[in-house]
Amino acid sequence: MTGHLLGATGALEAMFSVLSVKNDIVPPTINHEEGDNDENIDYTLNFTFNKAENRPVRAALSNSFASAATTPPSS
């Protein structure tokens, strides 16, 4: 886990995505203990809860959305 890195988040996310594909490691979704048991969710998906798993990784998505941490220009 990492804290908020402001401008460096996009680079760090891209690096983790590349390393995940290269090393076949799926990072976990933290603080998620179990599924929701909702009948509308396809539980054949392979979720990764709280601990990274070694599984074949062929692709990764790095969105790098901006945060609202920047200060708008003053008028």
C-alpha atoms as a PDB file:
ATOM      1  CA  MET A   1       0.000   0.000   0.000  1.00  0.00           C
ATOM      2  CA  THR A   2       1.072   3.553  -0.565  1.00  0.00           C
ATOM      3  CA  GLY A   3      -0.129   6.888   0.701  1.00  0.00           C
ATOM      4  CA  HIS A   4      -1.149   9.758  -1.550  1.00  0.00           C
ATOM      5  CA  LEU A   5       1.738  10.807  -3.789  1.00  0.00           C
ATOM      6  CA  LEU A   6      -0.001  13.713  -5.552  1.00  0.00           C
ATOM      7  CA  GLY A   7       1.740  14.161  -8.936  1.00  0.00           C
ATOM      8  CA  ALA A   8       3.684  10.890  -8.777  1.00  0.00           C
ATOM      9  CA  THR A   9       0.617   8.640  -8.537  1.00  0.00           C
ATOM     10  CA  GLY A  10       0.338   8.111 -12.286  1.00  0.00           C
ATOM     11  CA  ALA A  11       3.969   7.031 -12.612  1.00  0.00           C
ATOM     12  CA  LEU A  12       3.724   4.718  -9.608  1.00  0.00           C
ATOM     13  CA  GLU A  13       0.489   3.173 -10.882  1.00  0.00           C
ATOM     14  CA  ALA A  14       2.041   2.556 -14.302  1.00  0.00           C
ATOM     15  CA  MET A  15       5.090   0.973 -12.667  1.00  0.00           C
ATOM     16  CA  PHE A  16       2.937  -1.355 -10.537  1.00  0.00           C
ATOM     17  CA  SER A  17       0.910  -2.317 -13.621  1.00  0.00           C
ATOM     18  CA  VAL A  18       4.030  -3.225 -15.606  1.00  0.00           C
ATOM     19  CA  LEU A  19       5.497  -5.202 -12.691  1.00  0.00           C
ATOM     20  CA  SER A  20       2.212  -7.042 -12.190  1.00  0.00           C
ATOM     21  CA  VAL A  21       2.222  -8.245 -15.811  1.00  0.00           C
ATOM     22  CA  LYS A  22       5.946  -9.007 -15.803  1.00  0.00           C
ATOM     23  CA  ASN A  23       5.883 -11.011 -12.549  1.00  0.00           C
ATOM     24  CA  ASP A  24       2.360 -12.542 -12.819  1.00  0.00           C
ATOM     25  CA  ILE A  25       1.229 -11.084  -9.496  1.00  0.00           C
ATOM     26  CA  VAL A  26      -2.319  -9.823  -8.918  1.00  0.00           C
ATOM     27  CA  PRO A  27      -2.342  -7.113  -6.233  1.00  0.00           C
ATOM     28  CA  PRO A  28      -5.114  -7.357  -3.644  1.00  0.00           C
ATOM     29  CA  THR A  29      -8.133  -5.221  -2.974  1.00  0.00           C
ATOM     30  CA  ILE A  30      -7.362  -4.121   0.571  1.00  0.00           C
ATOM     31  CA  ASN A  31      -9.963  -3.988   3.345  1.00  0.00           C
ATOM     32  CA  HIS A  32     -12.280  -6.348   1.473  1.00  0.00           C
ATOM     33  CA  GLU A  33     -12.874  -9.546   3.410  1.00  0.00           C
ATOM     34  CA  GLU A  34     -15.493 -11.412   1.373  1.00  0.00           C
ATOM     35  CA  GLY A  35     -17.942 -11.074  -1.521  1.00  0.00           C
ATOM     36  CA  ASP A  36     -21.296  -9.337  -1.192  1.00  0.00           C
ATOM     37  CA  ASN A  37     -23.329 -12.481  -1.889  1.00  0.00           C
ATOM     38  CA  ASP A  38     -25.437 -10.476  -4.320  1.00  0.00           C
ATOM     39  CA  GLU A  39     -27.330 -12.573  -6.889  1.00  0.00           C
ATOM     40  CA  ASN A  40     -26.627  -9.934  -9.566  1.00  0.00           C
ATOM     41  CA  ILE A  41     -22.829 -10.293  -9.268  1.00  0.00           C
ATOM     42  CA  ASP A  42     -20.984 -12.869 -11.343  1.00  0.00           C
ATOM     43  CA  TYR A  43     -18.988 -14.705  -8.674  1.00  0.00           C
ATOM     44  CA  THR A  44     -17.152 -16.779 -11.272  1.00  0.00           C
ATOM     45  CA  LEU A  45     -14.852 -13.737 -11.416  1.00  0.00           C
ATOM     46  CA  ASN A  46     -11.673 -14.378  -9.491  1.00  0.00           C
ATOM     47  CA  PHE A  47     -11.472 -11.670  -6.811  1.00  0.00           C
ATOM     48  CA  THR A  48      -8.233 -11.097  -4.867  1.00  0.00           C
ATOM     49  CA  PHE A  49      -8.992 -10.123  -1.265  1.00  0.00           C
ATOM     50  CA  ASN A  50      -6.334  -8.714   1.134  1.00  0.00           C
ATOM     51  CA  LYS A  51      -3.343 -10.706  -0.156  1.00  0.00           C
ATOM     52  CA  ALA A  52      -1.540 -10.662  -3.512  1.00  0.00           C
ATOM     53  CA  GLU A  53      -1.758 -13.851  -5.577  1.00  0.00           C
ATOM     54  CA  ASN A  54       0.483 -15.408  -8.201  1.00  0.00           C
ATOM     55  CA  ARG A  55      -1.699 -15.888 -11.277  1.00  0.00           C
ATOM     56  CA  PRO A  56      -1.114 -15.433 -15.003  1.00  0.00           C
ATOM     57  CA  VAL A  57      -1.493 -11.752 -15.913  1.00  0.00           C
ATOM     58  CA  ARG A  58      -1.743 -10.873 -19.609  1.00  0.00           C
ATOM     59  CA  ALA A  59      -2.825  -7.236 -19.351  1.00  0.00           C
ATOM     60  CA  ALA A  60      -3.250  -4.439 -16.822  1.00  0.00           C
ATOM     61  CA  LEU A  61      -5.226  -1.199 -16.905  1.00  0.00           C
ATOM     62  CA  SER A  62      -3.678   1.988 -15.546  1.00  0.00           C
ATOM     63  CA  ASN A  63      -6.208   4.831 -15.481  1.00  0.00           C
ATOM     64  CA  SER A  64      -4.166   7.530 -13.700  1.00  0.00           C
ATOM     65  CA  PHE A  65      -7.129   9.763 -12.947  1.00  0.00           C
ATOM     66  CA  ALA A  66      -6.245  13.153 -11.513  1.00  0.00           C
ATOM     67  CA  SER A  67      -7.163  14.051  -7.974  1.00  0.00           C
ATOM     68  CA  ALA A  68      -8.752  17.249  -6.732  1.00  0.00           C
ATOM     69  CA  ALA A  69      -5.677  18.069  -4.652  1.00  0.00           C
ATOM     70  CA  THR A  70      -4.541  20.927  -6.867  1.00  0.00           C
ATOM     71  CA  THR A  71      -5.354  24.513  -6.091  1.00  0.00           C
ATOM     72  CA  PRO A  72      -7.310  26.381  -8.785  1.00  0.00           C
ATOM     73  CA  PRO A  73      -5.807  29.645 -10.058  1.00  0.00           C
ATOM     74  CA  SER A  74      -6.950  32.700  -8.142  1.00  0.00           C
ATOM     75  CA  SER A  75      -8.911  35.441  -9.898  1.00  0.00           C
END
